[in-house]
Amino acid sequence: VGREEFGVAAHNPVYLYWLRSPAGLAVA
């Protein structure tokens, strides 16, 4: 699981969480 900054909405930070399987699936 990884996290990265994605922007700001209504003065709140928005983050993107990546879940990556060793078998190749990646979901953000």
mmCIF file of all heavy atoms, coordinates in Angstrom:
data_MODEL
# 
_entry.id   MODEL 
# 
loop_
_atom_site.group_PDB 
_atom_site.id 
_atom_site.type_symbol 
_atom_site.label_atom_id 
_atom_site.label_alt_id 
_atom_site.label_comp_id 
_atom_site.label_asym_id 
_atom_site.label_entity_id 
_atom_site.label_seq_id 
_atom_site.pdbx_PDB_ins_code 
_atom_site.Cartn_x 
_atom_site.Cartn_y 
_atom_site.Cartn_z 
_atom_site.occupancy 
_atom_site.B_iso_or_equiv 
_atom_site.pdbx_formal_charge 
_atom_site.auth_seq_id 
_atom_site.auth_comp_id 
_atom_site.auth_asym_id 
_atom_site.auth_atom_id 
_atom_site.pdbx_PDB_model_num 
ATOM 1   N N   . VAL A 1 1  ? 0.858   -1.188  0.000   1.00 0.00 ? 1  VAL A N   1 
ATOM 2   C CA  . VAL A 1 1  ? 0.000   0.000   0.000   1.00 0.00 ? 1  VAL A CA  1 
ATOM 3   C C   . VAL A 1 1  ? 0.893   1.237   0.000   1.00 0.00 ? 1  VAL A C   1 
ATOM 4   O O   . VAL A 1 1  ? 1.835   1.332   0.796   1.00 0.00 ? 1  VAL A O   1 
ATOM 5   C CB  . VAL A 1 1  ? -0.923  0.045   1.227   1.00 0.00 ? 1  VAL A CB  1 
ATOM 6   C CG1 . VAL A 1 1  ? -1.799  1.295   1.188   1.00 0.00 ? 1  VAL A CG1 1 
ATOM 7   C CG2 . VAL A 1 1  ? -1.784  -1.207  1.311   1.00 0.00 ? 1  VAL A CG2 1 
ATOM 8   N N   . GLY A 1 2  ? 0.617   2.159   -0.892  1.00 0.00 ? 2  GLY A N   1 
ATOM 9   C CA  . GLY A 1 2  ? 1.336   3.425   -0.930  1.00 0.00 ? 2  GLY A CA  1 
ATOM 10  C C   . GLY A 1 2  ? 0.371   4.582   -0.980  1.00 0.00 ? 2  GLY A C   1 
ATOM 11  O O   . GLY A 1 2  ? -0.789  4.433   -1.397  1.00 0.00 ? 2  GLY A O   1 
ATOM 12  N N   . ARG A 1 3  ? 0.834   5.749   -0.529  1.00 0.00 ? 3  ARG A N   1 
ATOM 13  C CA  . ARG A 1 3  ? -0.020  6.936   -0.538  1.00 0.00 ? 3  ARG A CA  1 
ATOM 14  C C   . ARG A 1 3  ? 0.705   8.077   -1.223  1.00 0.00 ? 3  ARG A C   1 
ATOM 15  O O   . ARG A 1 3  ? 1.909   8.261   -1.037  1.00 0.00 ? 3  ARG A O   1 
ATOM 16  C CB  . ARG A 1 3  ? -0.384  7.338   0.897   1.00 0.00 ? 3  ARG A CB  1 
ATOM 17  C CG  . ARG A 1 3  ? -1.422  8.465   0.975   1.00 0.00 ? 3  ARG A CG  1 
ATOM 18  C CD  . ARG A 1 3  ? -1.658  8.928   2.398   1.00 0.00 ? 3  ARG A CD  1 
ATOM 19  N NE  . ARG A 1 3  ? -0.645  9.883   2.840   1.00 0.00 ? 3  ARG A NE  1 
ATOM 20  C CZ  . ARG A 1 3  ? -0.768  10.666  3.906   1.00 0.00 ? 3  ARG A CZ  1 
ATOM 21  N NH1 . ARG A 1 3  ? -1.848  10.580  4.672   1.00 0.00 ? 3  ARG A NH1 1 
ATOM 22  N NH2 . ARG A 1 3  ? 0.201   11.486  4.254   1.00 0.00 ? 3  ARG A NH2 1 
ATOM 23  N N   . GLU A 1 4  ? -0.050  8.844   -2.016  1.00 0.00 ? 4  GLU A N   1 
ATOM 24  C CA  . GLU A 1 4  ? 0.528   10.022  -2.643  1.00 0.00 ? 4  GLU A CA  1 
ATOM 25  C C   . GLU A 1 4  ? -0.472  11.164  -2.597  1.00 0.00 ? 4  GLU A C   1 
ATOM 26  O O   . GLU A 1 4  ? -1.692  10.938  -2.509  1.00 0.00 ? 4  GLU A O   1 
ATOM 27  C CB  . GLU A 1 4  ? 0.936   9.741   -4.092  1.00 0.00 ? 4  GLU A CB  1 
ATOM 28  C CG  . GLU A 1 4  ? -0.193  9.315   -5.011  1.00 0.00 ? 4  GLU A CG  1 
ATOM 29  C CD  . GLU A 1 4  ? 0.287   8.925   -6.389  1.00 0.00 ? 4  GLU A CD  1 
ATOM 30  O OE1 . GLU A 1 4  ? 1.135   7.997   -6.482  1.00 0.00 ? 4  GLU A OE1 1 
ATOM 31  O OE2 . GLU A 1 4  ? -0.193  9.521   -7.380  1.00 0.00 ? 4  GLU A OE2 1 
ATOM 32  N N   . GLU A 1 5  ? 0.035   12.390  -2.608  1.00 0.00 ? 5  GLU A N   1 
ATOM 33  C CA  . GLU A 1 5  ? -0.845  13.556  -2.623  1.00 0.00 ? 5  GLU A CA  1 
ATOM 34  C C   . GLU A 1 5  ? -1.546  13.642  -3.975  1.00 0.00 ? 5  GLU A C   1 
ATOM 35  O O   . GLU A 1 5  ? -0.951  13.395  -5.020  1.00 0.00 ? 5  GLU A O   1 
ATOM 36  C CB  . GLU A 1 5  ? -0.039  14.821  -2.352  1.00 0.00 ? 5  GLU A CB  1 
ATOM 37  C CG  . GLU A 1 5  ? 0.549   14.867  -0.954  1.00 0.00 ? 5  GLU A CG  1 
ATOM 38  C CD  . GLU A 1 5  ? 1.341   16.147  -0.703  1.00 0.00 ? 5  GLU A CD  1 
ATOM 39  O OE1 . GLU A 1 5  ? 1.499   16.945  -1.666  1.00 0.00 ? 5  GLU A OE1 1 
ATOM 40  O OE2 . GLU A 1 5  ? 1.799   16.344  0.429   1.00 0.00 ? 5  GLU A OE2 1 
ATOM 41  N N   . PHE A 1 6  ? -2.836  14.005  -3.925  1.00 0.00 ? 6  PHE A N   1 
ATOM 42  C CA  . PHE A 1 6  ? -3.638  14.028  -5.149  1.00 0.00 ? 6  PHE A CA  1 
ATOM 43  C C   . PHE A 1 6  ? -4.237  15.405  -5.412  1.00 0.00 ? 6  PHE A C   1 
ATOM 44  O O   . PHE A 1 6  ? -4.757  15.650  -6.493  1.00 0.00 ? 6  PHE A O   1 
ATOM 45  C CB  . PHE A 1 6  ? -4.743  12.967  -5.044  1.00 0.00 ? 6  PHE A CB  1 
ATOM 46  C CG  . PHE A 1 6  ? -5.391  12.601  -6.346  1.00 0.00 ? 6  PHE A CG  1 
ATOM 47  C CD1 . PHE A 1 6  ? -4.648  12.402  -7.501  1.00 0.00 ? 6  PHE A CD1 1 
ATOM 48  C CD2 . PHE A 1 6  ? -6.773  12.443  -6.427  1.00 0.00 ? 6  PHE A CD2 1 
ATOM 49  C CE1 . PHE A 1 6  ? -5.251  12.054  -8.706  1.00 0.00 ? 6  PHE A CE1 1 
ATOM 50  C CE2 . PHE A 1 6  ? -7.388  12.084  -7.625  1.00 0.00 ? 6  PHE A CE2 1 
ATOM 51  C CZ  . PHE A 1 6  ? -6.627  11.896  -8.764  1.00 0.00 ? 6  PHE A CZ  1 
ATOM 52  N N   . GLY A 1 7  ? -4.181  16.305  -4.419  1.00 0.00 ? 7  GLY A N   1 
ATOM 53  C CA  . GLY A 1 7  ? -4.727  17.646  -4.594  1.00 0.00 ? 7  GLY A CA  1 
ATOM 54  C C   . GLY A 1 7  ? -5.429  18.132  -3.352  1.00 0.00 ? 7  GLY A C   1 
ATOM 55  O O   . GLY A 1 7  ? -5.240  17.595  -2.252  1.00 0.00 ? 7  GLY A O   1 
ATOM 56  N N   . VAL A 1 8  ? -6.274  19.153  -3.523  1.00 0.00 ? 8  VAL A N   1 
ATOM 57  C CA  . VAL A 1 8  ? -7.005  19.759  -2.413  1.00 0.00 ? 8  VAL A CA  1 
ATOM 58  C C   . VAL A 1 8  ? -8.457  19.945  -2.833  1.00 0.00 ? 8  VAL A C   1 
ATOM 59  O O   . VAL A 1 8  ? -8.743  20.366  -3.955  1.00 0.00 ? 8  VAL A O   1 
ATOM 60  C CB  . VAL A 1 8  ? -6.399  21.120  -2.021  1.00 0.00 ? 8  VAL A CB  1 
ATOM 61  C CG1 . VAL A 1 8  ? -7.225  21.795  -0.928  1.00 0.00 ? 8  VAL A CG1 1 
ATOM 62  C CG2 . VAL A 1 8  ? -4.950  20.953  -1.560  1.00 0.00 ? 8  VAL A CG2 1 
ATOM 63  N N   . ALA A 1 9  ? -9.377  19.630  -1.916  1.00 0.00 ? 9  ALA A N   1 
ATOM 64  C CA  . ALA A 1 9  ? -10.810 19.833  -2.155  1.00 0.00 ? 9  ALA A CA  1 
ATOM 65  C C   . ALA A 1 9  ? -11.436 20.410  -0.900  1.00 0.00 ? 9  ALA A C   1 
ATOM 66  O O   . ALA A 1 9  ? -11.280 19.853  0.190   1.00 0.00 ? 9  ALA A O   1 
ATOM 67  C CB  . ALA A 1 9  ? -11.490 18.514  -2.516  1.00 0.00 ? 9  ALA A CB  1 
ATOM 68  N N   . ALA A 1 10 ? -12.135 21.529  -1.044  1.00 0.00 ? 10 ALA A N   1 
ATOM 69  C CA  . ALA A 1 10 ? -12.776 22.197  0.097   1.00 0.00 ? 10 ALA A CA  1 
ATOM 70  C C   . ALA A 1 10 ? -11.772 22.417  1.224   1.00 0.00 ? 10 ALA A C   1 
ATOM 71  O O   . ALA A 1 10 ? -12.062 22.189  2.395   1.00 0.00 ? 10 ALA A O   1 
ATOM 72  C CB  . ALA A 1 10 ? -13.975 21.392  0.584   1.00 0.00 ? 10 ALA A CB  1 
ATOM 73  N N   . HIS A 1 11 ? -10.585 22.866  0.859   1.00 0.00 ? 11 HIS A N   1 
ATOM 74  C CA  . HIS A 1 11 ? -9.497  23.183  1.797   1.00 0.00 ? 11 HIS A CA  1 
ATOM 75  C C   . HIS A 1 11 ? -8.954  21.956  2.522   1.00 0.00 ? 11 HIS A C   1 
ATOM 76  O O   . HIS A 1 11 ? -8.214  22.088  3.492   1.00 0.00 ? 11 HIS A O   1 
ATOM 77  C CB  . HIS A 1 11 ? -9.950  24.228  2.831   1.00 0.00 ? 11 HIS A CB  1 
ATOM 78  C CG  . HIS A 1 11 ? -10.541 25.461  2.226   1.00 0.00 ? 11 HIS A CG  1 
ATOM 79  N ND1 . HIS A 1 11 ? -9.793  26.377  1.497   1.00 0.00 ? 11 HIS A ND1 1 
ATOM 80  C CD2 . HIS A 1 11 ? -11.813 25.927  2.212   1.00 0.00 ? 11 HIS A CD2 1 
ATOM 81  C CE1 . HIS A 1 11 ? -10.569 27.353  1.081   1.00 0.00 ? 11 HIS A CE1 1 
ATOM 82  N NE2 . HIS A 1 11 ? -11.810 27.103  1.494   1.00 0.00 ? 11 HIS A NE2 1 
ATOM 83  N N   . ASN A 1 12 ? -9.324  20.769  2.061   1.00 0.00 ? 12 ASN A N   1 
ATOM 84  C CA  . ASN A 1 12 ? -8.828  19.534  2.665   1.00 0.00 ? 12 ASN A CA  1 
ATOM 85  C C   . ASN A 1 12 ? -7.899  18.812  1.690   1.00 0.00 ? 12 ASN A C   1 
ATOM 86  O O   . ASN A 1 12 ? -8.204  18.727  0.492   1.00 0.00 ? 12 ASN A O   1 
ATOM 87  C CB  . ASN A 1 12 ? -9.987  18.599  3.021   1.00 0.00 ? 12 ASN A CB  1 
ATOM 88  C CG  . ASN A 1 12 ? -10.868 19.160  4.113   1.00 0.00 ? 12 ASN A CG  1 
ATOM 89  O OD1 . ASN A 1 12 ? -10.405 19.500  5.185   1.00 0.00 ? 12 ASN A OD1 1 
ATOM 90  N ND2 . ASN A 1 12 ? -12.165 19.269  3.835   1.00 0.00 ? 12 ASN A ND2 1 
ATOM 91  N N   . PRO A 1 13 ? -6.776  18.285  2.192   1.00 0.00 ? 13 PRO A N   1 
ATOM 92  C CA  . PRO A 1 13 ? -5.902  17.519  1.302   1.00 0.00 ? 13 PRO A CA  1 
ATOM 93  C C   . PRO A 1 13 ? -6.594  16.237  0.845   1.00 0.00 ? 13 PRO A C   1 
ATOM 94  O O   . PRO A 1 13 ? -7.342  15.617  1.600   1.00 0.00 ? 13 PRO A O   1 
ATOM 95  C CB  . PRO A 1 13 ? -4.676  17.205  2.176   1.00 0.00 ? 13 PRO A CB  1 
ATOM 96  C CG  . PRO A 1 13 ? -5.181  17.296  3.577   1.00 0.00 ? 13 PRO A CG  1 
ATOM 97  C CD  . PRO A 1 13 ? -6.258  18.340  3.575   1.00 0.00 ? 13 PRO A CD  1 
ATOM 98  N N   . VAL A 1 14 ? -6.363  15.874  -0.395  1.00 0.00 ? 14 VAL A N   1 
ATOM 99  C CA  . VAL A 1 14 ? -6.907  14.642  -0.968  1.00 0.00 ? 14 VAL A CA  1 
ATOM 100 C C   . VAL A 1 14 ? -5.747  13.721  -1.317  1.00 0.00 ? 14 VAL A C   1 
ATOM 101 O O   . VAL A 1 14 ? -4.743  14.165  -1.890  1.00 0.00 ? 14 VAL A O   1 
ATOM 102 C CB  . VAL A 1 14 ? -7.761  14.934  -2.222  1.00 0.00 ? 14 VAL A CB  1 
ATOM 103 C CG1 . VAL A 1 14 ? -8.240  13.639  -2.872  1.00 0.00 ? 14 VAL A CG1 1 
ATOM 104 C CG2 . VAL A 1 14 ? -8.951  15.810  -1.850  1.00 0.00 ? 14 VAL A CG2 1 
ATOM 105 N N   . TYR A 1 15 ? -5.882  12.452  -0.961  1.00 0.00 ? 15 TYR A N   1 
ATOM 106 C CA  . TYR A 1 15 ? -4.799  11.488  -1.176  1.00 0.00 ? 15 TYR A CA  1 
ATOM 107 C C   . TYR A 1 15 ? -5.260  10.363  -2.093  1.00 0.00 ? 15 TYR A C   1 
ATOM 108 O O   . TYR A 1 15 ? -6.457  10.061  -2.201  1.00 0.00 ? 15 TYR A O   1 
ATOM 109 C CB  . TYR A 1 15 ? -4.336  10.909  0.159   1.00 0.00 ? 15 TYR A CB  1 
ATOM 110 C CG  . TYR A 1 15 ? -3.737  11.941  1.075   1.00 0.00 ? 15 TYR A CG  1 
ATOM 111 C CD1 . TYR A 1 15 ? -4.491  12.483  2.129   1.00 0.00 ? 15 TYR A CD1 1 
ATOM 112 C CD2 . TYR A 1 15 ? -2.434  12.396  0.903   1.00 0.00 ? 15 TYR A CD2 1 
ATOM 113 C CE1 . TYR A 1 15 ? -3.959  13.442  2.962   1.00 0.00 ? 15 TYR A CE1 1 
ATOM 114 C CE2 . TYR A 1 15 ? -1.895  13.359  1.745   1.00 0.00 ? 15 TYR A CE2 1 
ATOM 115 C CZ  . TYR A 1 15 ? -2.657  13.873  2.775   1.00 0.00 ? 15 TYR A CZ  1 
ATOM 116 O OH  . TYR A 1 15 ? -2.130  14.829  3.601   1.00 0.00 ? 15 TYR A OH  1 
ATOM 117 N N   . LEU A 1 16 ? -4.275  9.763   -2.736  1.00 0.00 ? 16 LEU A N   1 
ATOM 118 C CA  . LEU A 1 16 ? -4.495  8.605   -3.583  1.00 0.00 ? 16 LEU A CA  1 
ATOM 119 C C   . LEU A 1 16 ? -3.752  7.431   -2.962  1.00 0.00 ? 16 LEU A C   1 
ATOM 120 O O   . LEU A 1 16 ? -2.549  7.515   -2.678  1.00 0.00 ? 16 LEU A O   1 
ATOM 121 C CB  . LEU A 1 16 ? -3.963  8.878   -4.991  1.00 0.00 ? 16 LEU A CB  1 
ATOM 122 C CG  . LEU A 1 16 ? -4.457  8.011   -6.139  1.00 0.00 ? 16 LEU A CG  1 
ATOM 123 C CD1 . LEU A 1 16 ? -5.955  8.197   -6.345  1.00 0.00 ? 16 LEU A CD1 1 
ATOM 124 C CD2 . LEU A 1 16 ? -3.706  8.354   -7.424  1.00 0.00 ? 16 LEU A CD2 1 
ATOM 125 N N   . TYR A 1 17 ? -4.496  6.343   -2.713  1.00 0.00 ? 17 TYR A N   1 
ATOM 126 C CA  . TYR A 1 17 ? -3.908  5.137   -2.123  1.00 0.00 ? 17 TYR A CA  1 
ATOM 127 C C   . TYR A 1 17 ? -3.781  4.058   -3.205  1.00 0.00 ? 17 TYR A C   1 
ATOM 128 O O   . TYR A 1 17 ? -4.766  3.707   -3.850  1.00 0.00 ? 17 TYR A O   1 
ATOM 129 C CB  . TYR A 1 17 ? -4.765  4.632   -0.962  1.00 0.00 ? 17 TYR A CB  1 
ATOM 130 C CG  . TYR A 1 17 ? -4.618  5.457   0.288   1.00 0.00 ? 17 TYR A CG  1 
ATOM 131 C CD1 . TYR A 1 17 ? -5.309  6.651   0.429   1.00 0.00 ? 17 TYR A CD1 1 
ATOM 132 C CD2 . TYR A 1 17 ? -3.776  5.057   1.321   1.00 0.00 ? 17 TYR A CD2 1 
ATOM 133 C CE1 . TYR A 1 17 ? -5.171  7.437   1.574   1.00 0.00 ? 17 TYR A CE1 1 
ATOM 134 C CE2 . TYR A 1 17 ? -3.632  5.829   2.475   1.00 0.00 ? 17 TYR A CE2 1 
ATOM 135 C CZ  . TYR A 1 17 ? -4.333  7.009   2.579   1.00 0.00 ? 17 TYR A CZ  1 
ATOM 136 O OH  . TYR A 1 17 ? -4.186  7.779   3.716   1.00 0.00 ? 17 TYR A OH  1 
ATOM 137 N N   . TRP A 1 18 ? -2.575  3.561   -3.368  1.00 0.00 ? 18 TRP A N   1 
ATOM 138 C CA  . TRP A 1 18 ? -2.307  2.499   -4.331  1.00 0.00 ? 18 TRP A CA  1 
ATOM 139 C C   . TRP A 1 18 ? -2.167  1.169   -3.608  1.00 0.00 ? 18 TRP A C   1 
ATOM 140 O O   . TRP A 1 18 ? -1.388  1.043   -2.663  1.00 0.00 ? 18 TRP A O   1 
ATOM 141 C CB  . TRP A 1 18 ? -1.020  2.777   -5.099  1.00 0.00 ? 18 TRP A CB  1 
ATOM 142 C CG  . TRP A 1 18 ? -1.153  3.757   -6.220  1.00 0.00 ? 18 TRP A CG  1 
ATOM 143 C CD1 . TRP A 1 18 ? -0.913  5.102   -6.179  1.00 0.00 ? 18 TRP A CD1 1 
ATOM 144 C CD2 . TRP A 1 18 ? -1.539  3.468   -7.572  1.00 0.00 ? 18 TRP A CD2 1 
ATOM 145 N NE1 . TRP A 1 18 ? -1.139  5.675   -7.405  1.00 0.00 ? 18 TRP A NE1 1 
ATOM 146 C CE2 . TRP A 1 18 ? -1.515  4.689   -8.288  1.00 0.00 ? 18 TRP A CE2 1 
ATOM 147 C CE3 . TRP A 1 18 ? -1.909  2.299   -8.243  1.00 0.00 ? 18 TRP A CE3 1 
ATOM 148 C CZ2 . TRP A 1 18 ? -1.843  4.775   -9.639  1.00 0.00 ? 18 TRP A CZ2 1 
ATOM 149 C CZ3 . TRP A 1 18 ? -2.234  2.379   -9.589  1.00 0.00 ? 18 TRP A CZ3 1 
ATOM 150 C CH2 . TRP A 1 18 ? -2.197  3.602   -10.281 1.00 0.00 ? 18 TRP A CH2 1 
ATOM 151 N N   . LEU A 1 19 ? -2.922  0.172   -4.036  1.00 0.00 ? 19 LEU A N   1 
ATOM 152 C CA  . LEU A 1 19 ? -2.778  -1.193  -3.547  1.00 0.00 ? 19 LEU A CA  1 
ATOM 153 C C   . LEU A 1 19 ? -2.253  -2.032  -4.709  1.00 0.00 ? 19 LEU A C   1 
ATOM 154 O O   . LEU A 1 19 ? -2.895  -2.102  -5.767  1.00 0.00 ? 19 LEU A O   1 
ATOM 155 C CB  . LEU A 1 19 ? -4.102  -1.757  -3.034  1.00 0.00 ? 19 LEU A CB  1 
ATOM 156 C CG  . LEU A 1 19 ? -4.731  -1.019  -1.840  1.00 0.00 ? 19 LEU A CG  1 
ATOM 157 C CD1 . LEU A 1 19 ? -5.776  -0.026  -2.327  1.00 0.00 ? 19 LEU A CD1 1 
ATOM 158 C CD2 . LEU A 1 19 ? -5.361  -1.999  -0.864  1.00 0.00 ? 19 LEU A CD2 1 
ATOM 159 N N   . ARG A 1 20 ? -1.102  -2.671  -4.510  1.00 0.00 ? 20 ARG A N   1 
ATOM 160 C CA  . ARG A 1 20 ? -0.437  -3.376  -5.607  1.00 0.00 ? 20 ARG A CA  1 
ATOM 161 C C   . ARG A 1 20 ? -0.190  -4.826  -5.217  1.00 0.00 ? 20 ARG A C   1 
ATOM 162 O O   . ARG A 1 20 ? 0.446   -5.112  -4.198  1.00 0.00 ? 20 ARG A O   1 
ATOM 163 C CB  . ARG A 1 20 ? 0.889   -2.700  -5.955  1.00 0.00 ? 20 ARG A CB  1 
ATOM 164 C CG  . ARG A 1 20 ? 0.756   -1.229  -6.364  1.00 0.00 ? 20 ARG A CG  1 
ATOM 165 C CD  . ARG A 1 20 ? 2.126   -0.626  -6.656  1.00 0.00 ? 20 ARG A CD  1 
ATOM 166 N NE  . ARG A 1 20 ? 2.068   0.813   -6.840  1.00 0.00 ? 20 ARG A NE  1 
ATOM 167 C CZ  . ARG A 1 20 ? 1.847   1.420   -8.015  1.00 0.00 ? 20 ARG A CZ  1 
ATOM 168 N NH1 . ARG A 1 20 ? 1.661   0.669   -9.093  1.00 0.00 ? 20 ARG A NH1 1 
ATOM 169 N NH2 . ARG A 1 20 ? 1.802   2.739   -8.104  1.00 0.00 ? 20 ARG A NH2 1 
ATOM 170 N N   . SER A 1 21 ? -0.706  -5.715  -6.059  1.00 0.00 ? 21 SER A N   1 
ATOM 171 C CA  . SER A 1 21 ? -0.496  -7.143  -5.858  1.00 0.00 ? 21 SER A CA  1 
ATOM 172 C C   . SER A 1 21 ? 0.773   -7.592  -6.583  1.00 0.00 ? 21 SER A C   1 
ATOM 173 O O   . SER A 1 21 ? 1.061   -7.110  -7.686  1.00 0.00 ? 21 SER A O   1 
ATOM 174 C CB  . SER A 1 21 ? -1.693  -7.932  -6.394  1.00 0.00 ? 21 SER A CB  1 
ATOM 175 O OG  . SER A 1 21 ? -1.380  -9.303  -6.521  1.00 0.00 ? 21 SER A OG  1 
ATOM 176 N N   . PRO A 1 22 ? 1.530   -8.522  -6.000  1.00 0.00 ? 22 PRO A N   1 
ATOM 177 C CA  . PRO A 1 22 ? 2.709   -9.050  -6.704  1.00 0.00 ? 22 PRO A CA  1 
ATOM 178 C C   . PRO A 1 22 ? 2.341   -9.798  -7.983  1.00 0.00 ? 22 PRO A C   1 
ATOM 179 O O   . PRO A 1 22 ? 3.196   -10.015 -8.842  1.00 0.00 ? 22 PRO A O   1 
ATOM 180 C CB  . PRO A 1 22 ? 3.349   -9.983  -5.670  1.00 0.00 ? 22 PRO A CB  1 
ATOM 181 C CG  . PRO A 1 22 ? 2.250   -10.334 -4.739  1.00 0.00 ? 22 PRO A CG  1 
ATOM 182 C CD  . PRO A 1 22 ? 1.377   -9.125  -4.670  1.00 0.00 ? 22 PRO A CD  1 
ATOM 183 N N   . ALA A 1 23 ? 1.058   -10.157 -8.113  1.00 0.00 ? 23 ALA A N   1 
ATOM 184 C CA  . ALA A 1 23 ? 0.604   -10.850 -9.320  1.00 0.00 ? 23 ALA A CA  1 
ATOM 185 C C   . ALA A 1 23 ? 0.221   -9.884  -10.441 1.00 0.00 ? 23 ALA A C   1 
ATOM 186 O O   . ALA A 1 23 ? -0.169  -10.317 -11.522 1.00 0.00 ? 23 ALA A O   1 
ATOM 187 C CB  . ALA A 1 23 ? -0.576  -11.760 -8.990  1.00 0.00 ? 23 ALA A CB  1 
ATOM 188 N N   . GLY A 1 24 ? 0.309   -8.563  -10.181 1.00 0.00 ? 24 GLY A N   1 
ATOM 189 C CA  . GLY A 1 24 ? 0.147   -7.592  -11.257 1.00 0.00 ? 24 GLY A CA  1 
ATOM 190 C C   . GLY A 1 24 ? -0.993  -6.614  -11.148 1.00 0.00 ? 24 GLY A C   1 
ATOM 191 O O   . GLY A 1 24 ? -1.012  -5.599  -11.844 1.00 0.00 ? 24 GLY A O   1 
ATOM 192 N N   . LEU A 1 25 ? -1.991  -6.872  -10.281 1.00 0.00 ? 25 LEU A N   1 
ATOM 193 C CA  . LEU A 1 25 ? -3.115  -5.943  -10.151 1.00 0.00 ? 25 LEU A CA  1 
ATOM 194 C C   . LEU A 1 25 ? -2.692  -4.719  -9.341  1.00 0.00 ? 25 LEU A C   1 
ATOM 195 O O   . LEU A 1 25 ? -2.086  -4.845  -8.277  1.00 0.00 ? 25 LEU A O   1 
ATOM 196 C CB  . LEU A 1 25 ? -4.292  -6.629  -9.452  1.00 0.00 ? 25 LEU A CB  1 
ATOM 197 C CG  . LEU A 1 25 ? -5.533  -5.760  -9.183  1.00 0.00 ? 25 LEU A CG  1 
ATOM 198 C CD1 . LEU A 1 25 ? -6.176  -5.318  -10.490 1.00 0.00 ? 25 LEU A CD1 1 
ATOM 199 C CD2 . LEU A 1 25 ? -6.547  -6.509  -8.320  1.00 0.00 ? 25 LEU A CD2 1 
ATOM 200 N N   . ALA A 1 26 ? -3.037  -3.529  -9.843  1.00 0.00 ? 26 ALA A N   1 
ATOM 201 C CA  . ALA A 1 26 ? -2.773  -2.281  -9.124  1.00 0.00 ? 26 ALA A CA  1 
ATOM 202 C C   . ALA A 1 26 ? -4.049  -1.449  -9.125  1.00 0.00 ? 26 ALA A C   1 
ATOM 203 O O   . ALA A 1 26 ? -4.638  -1.198  -10.179 1.00 0.00 ? 26 ALA A O   1 
ATOM 204 C CB  . ALA A 1 26 ? -1.632  -1.507  -9.769  1.00 0.00 ? 26 ALA A CB  1 
ATOM 205 N N   . VAL A 1 27 ? -4.469  -1.025  -7.939  1.00 0.00 ? 27 VAL A N   1 
ATOM 206 C CA  . VAL A 1 27 ? -5.716  -0.275  -7.775  1.00 0.00 ? 27 VAL A CA  1 
ATOM 207 C C   . VAL A 1 27 ? -5.407  1.014   -7.025  1.00 0.00 ? 27 VAL A C   1 
ATOM 208 O O   . VAL A 1 27 ? -4.730  0.990   -5.990  1.00 0.00 ? 27 VAL A O   1 
ATOM 209 C CB  . VAL A 1 27 ? -6.760  -1.094  -7.002  1.00 0.00 ? 27 VAL A CB  1 
ATOM 210 C CG1 . VAL A 1 27 ? -8.031  -0.276  -6.793  1.00 0.00 ? 27 VAL A CG1 1 
ATOM 211 C CG2 . VAL A 1 27 ? -7.079  -2.395  -7.741  1.00 0.00 ? 27 VAL A CG2 1 
ATOM 212 N N   . ALA A 1 28 ? -5.901  2.137   -7.545  1.00 0.00 ? 28 ALA A N   1 
ATOM 213 C CA  . ALA A 1 28 ? -5.734  3.431   -6.890  1.00 0.00 ? 28 ALA A CA  1 
ATOM 214 C C   . ALA A 1 28 ? -7.090  3.961   -6.464  1.00 0.00 ? 28 ALA A C   1 
ATOM 215 O O   . ALA A 1 28 ? -8.014  4.042   -7.285  1.00 0.00 ? 28 ALA A O   1 
ATOM 216 C CB  . ALA A 1 28 ? -5.049  4.425   -7.818  1.00 0.00 ? 28 ALA A CB  1 
# 
